């Protein structure tokens, strides 16, 4: 998604999302939980984004775990999903 698409979706739902600047390409959907809408991000896509930006694999994972996945923005904090795949990398 792009920032504009996130804003359009929020407007159509009449809500405000917690959008992590620069990580819009990692958004894979949204959820409704406890009477709040939340954006859903792919953990793998976030890590790959950090690697494209120049971080090494382990560094990107550590940065994401410490500075993104553990962040709390209140009741509308984003959800971070790690997909489960089989041994061949399929969902």
C-alpha atoms as a PDB file:
ATOM      1  CA  UNK A   1       0.000   0.000   0.000  1.00  0.00           C
ATOM      2  CA  UNK A   2       0.968   3.601  -0.385  1.00  0.00           C
ATOM      3  CA  UNK A   3       0.473   6.345   2.183  1.00  0.00           C
ATOM      4  CA  UNK A   4      -2.368   7.738   0.038  1.00  0.00           C
ATOM      5  CA  UNK A   5      -4.075   4.333  -0.072  1.00  0.00           C
ATOM      6  CA  UNK A   6      -3.849   4.043   3.723  1.00  0.00           C
ATOM      7  CA  UNK A   7      -5.405   7.494   4.078  1.00  0.00           C
ATOM      8  CA  UNK A   8      -8.174   6.609   1.597  1.00  0.00           C
ATOM      9  CA  UNK A   9      -8.944   3.380   3.470  1.00  0.00           C
ATOM     10  CA  UNK A  10      -9.031   5.186   6.810  1.00  0.00           C
ATOM     11  CA  UNK A  11     -11.341   7.822   5.371  1.00  0.00           C
ATOM     12  CA  UNK A  12     -13.688   5.198   3.901  1.00  0.00           C
ATOM     13  CA  UNK A  13     -13.904   3.476   7.309  1.00  0.00           C
ATOM     14  CA  UNK A  14     -14.118   6.753   9.205  1.00  0.00           C
ATOM     15  CA  UNK A  15     -11.107   5.915  11.380  1.00  0.00           C
ATOM     16  CA  UNK A  16      -7.524   6.926  11.982  1.00  0.00           C
ATOM     17  CA  UNK A  17      -4.851   4.270  11.642  1.00  0.00           C
ATOM     18  CA  UNK A  18      -1.465   4.212  13.325  1.00  0.00           C
ATOM     19  CA  UNK A  19       0.625   4.175  10.140  1.00  0.00           C
ATOM     20  CA  UNK A  20       4.350   3.500  10.410  1.00  0.00           C
ATOM     21  CA  UNK A  21       6.009   6.000   8.070  1.00  0.00           C
ATOM     22  CA  UNK A  22       8.069   4.367   5.353  1.00  0.00           C
ATOM     23  CA  UNK A  23       6.693   0.881   5.998  1.00  0.00           C
ATOM     24  CA  UNK A  24       3.473   1.163   3.996  1.00  0.00           C
ATOM     25  CA  UNK A  25       4.737  -1.452   1.515  1.00  0.00           C
ATOM     26  CA  UNK A  26       4.651  -4.001   4.369  1.00  0.00           C
ATOM     27  CA  UNK A  27       0.930  -3.499   5.070  1.00  0.00           C
ATOM     28  CA  UNK A  28      -1.009  -6.642   4.216  1.00  0.00           C
ATOM     29  CA  UNK A  29      -4.429  -5.716   5.558  1.00  0.00           C
ATOM     30  CA  UNK A  30      -6.384  -4.412   8.488  1.00  0.00           C
ATOM     31  CA  UNK A  31      -8.293  -5.907  11.403  1.00  0.00           C
ATOM     32  CA  UNK A  32     -11.105  -4.928  13.707  1.00  0.00           C
ATOM     33  CA  UNK A  33     -10.384  -5.899  17.327  1.00  0.00           C
ATOM     34  CA  UNK A  34     -11.756  -4.580  20.616  1.00  0.00           C
ATOM     35  CA  UNK A  35     -13.833  -1.974  18.757  1.00  0.00           C
ATOM     36  CA  UNK A  36     -10.745  -0.552  17.021  1.00  0.00           C
ATOM     37  CA  UNK A  37      -9.333  -0.835  13.516  1.00  0.00           C
ATOM     38  CA  UNK A  38      -5.637  -1.716  13.240  1.00  0.00           C
ATOM     39  CA  UNK A  39      -3.283  -2.041  10.300  1.00  0.00           C
ATOM     40  CA  UNK A  40      -1.625  -5.415   9.812  1.00  0.00           C
ATOM     41  CA  UNK A  41       2.008  -5.514   8.727  1.00  0.00           C
ATOM     42  CA  UNK A  42       4.083  -8.426   7.456  1.00  0.00           C
ATOM     43  CA  UNK A  43       7.098  -8.869   9.747  1.00  0.00           C
ATOM     44  CA  UNK A  44       9.024 -10.435   6.875  1.00  0.00           C
ATOM     45  CA  UNK A  45       8.332  -7.488   4.567  1.00  0.00           C
ATOM     46  CA  UNK A  46       9.467  -5.040   7.247  1.00  0.00           C
ATOM     47  CA  UNK A  47      12.760  -6.902   7.700  1.00  0.00           C
ATOM     48  CA  UNK A  48      13.290  -7.096   3.925  1.00  0.00           C
ATOM     49  CA  UNK A  49      12.659  -3.330   3.678  1.00  0.00           C
ATOM     50  CA  UNK A  50      15.371  -2.658   6.267  1.00  0.00           C
ATOM     51  CA  UNK A  51      17.727  -4.941   4.342  1.00  0.00           C
ATOM     52  CA  UNK A  52      17.008  -3.072   1.089  1.00  0.00           C
ATOM     53  CA  UNK A  53      17.868   0.096   3.000  1.00  0.00           C
ATOM     54  CA  UNK A  54      21.332  -1.338   3.750  1.00  0.00           C
ATOM     55  CA  UNK A  55      21.081  -3.362   6.953  1.00  0.00           C
ATOM     56  CA  UNK A  56      22.503  -6.886   7.143  1.00  0.00           C
ATOM     57  CA  UNK A  57      20.057  -9.745   7.903  1.00  0.00           C
ATOM     58  CA  UNK A  58      20.690 -10.074  11.639  1.00  0.00           C
ATOM     59  CA  UNK A  59      20.881  -6.330  12.096  1.00  0.00           C
ATOM     60  CA  UNK A  60      17.539  -5.856  10.321  1.00  0.00           C
ATOM     61  CA  UNK A  61      15.878  -8.523  12.477  1.00  0.00           C
ATOM     62  CA  UNK A  62      17.245  -7.049  15.700  1.00  0.00           C
ATOM     63  CA  UNK A  63      16.249  -3.503  14.694  1.00  0.00           C
ATOM     64  CA  UNK A  64      12.724  -4.612  13.760  1.00  0.00           C
ATOM     65  CA  UNK A  65      12.245  -6.637  16.941  1.00  0.00           C
ATOM     66  CA  UNK A  66      13.506  -3.854  19.202  1.00  0.00           C
ATOM     67  CA  UNK A  67      12.231  -0.714  17.484  1.00  0.00           C
ATOM     68  CA  UNK A  68       9.136  -1.786  15.575  1.00  0.00           C
ATOM     69  CA  UNK A  69       7.523  -4.987  16.833  1.00  0.00           C
ATOM     70  CA  UNK A  70       7.705  -3.955  20.491  1.00  0.00           C
ATOM     71  CA  UNK A  71       6.370  -0.442  19.893  1.00  0.00           C
ATOM     72  CA  UNK A  72       3.093   0.452  21.560  1.00  0.00           C
ATOM     73  CA  UNK A  73       0.819   3.187  20.259  1.00  0.00           C
ATOM     74  CA  UNK A  74      -2.229   2.546  22.394  1.00  0.00           C
ATOM     75  CA  UNK A  75      -5.326   0.529  21.541  1.00  0.00           C
ATOM     76  CA  UNK A  76      -4.823   1.031  17.811  1.00  0.00           C
ATOM     77  CA  UNK A  77      -1.234  -0.237  17.692  1.00  0.00           C
ATOM     78  CA  UNK A  78      -0.479  -2.083  14.460  1.00  0.00           C
ATOM     79  CA  UNK A  79      -0.415  -5.877  14.361  1.00  0.00           C
ATOM     80  CA  UNK A  80       2.737  -7.607  13.107  1.00  0.00           C
ATOM     81  CA  UNK A  81       2.260 -11.009  11.488  1.00  0.00           C
ATOM     82  CA  UNK A  82       4.866 -13.686  10.907  1.00  0.00           C
ATOM     83  CA  UNK A  83       3.562 -16.134   8.342  1.00  0.00           C
ATOM     84  CA  UNK A  84       3.987 -19.852   8.957  1.00  0.00           C
ATOM     85  CA  UNK A  85       5.391 -21.711   5.978  1.00  0.00           C
ATOM     86  CA  UNK A  86       6.207 -25.343   5.285  1.00  0.00           C
ATOM     87  CA  UNK A  87       9.746 -26.602   4.633  1.00  0.00           C
ATOM     88  CA  UNK A  88       9.475 -25.499   1.011  1.00  0.00           C
ATOM     89  CA  UNK A  89       8.539 -21.920   1.955  1.00  0.00           C
ATOM     90  CA  UNK A  90       4.853 -22.232   1.101  1.00  0.00           C
ATOM     91  CA  UNK A  91       1.973 -20.922   3.229  1.00  0.00           C
END
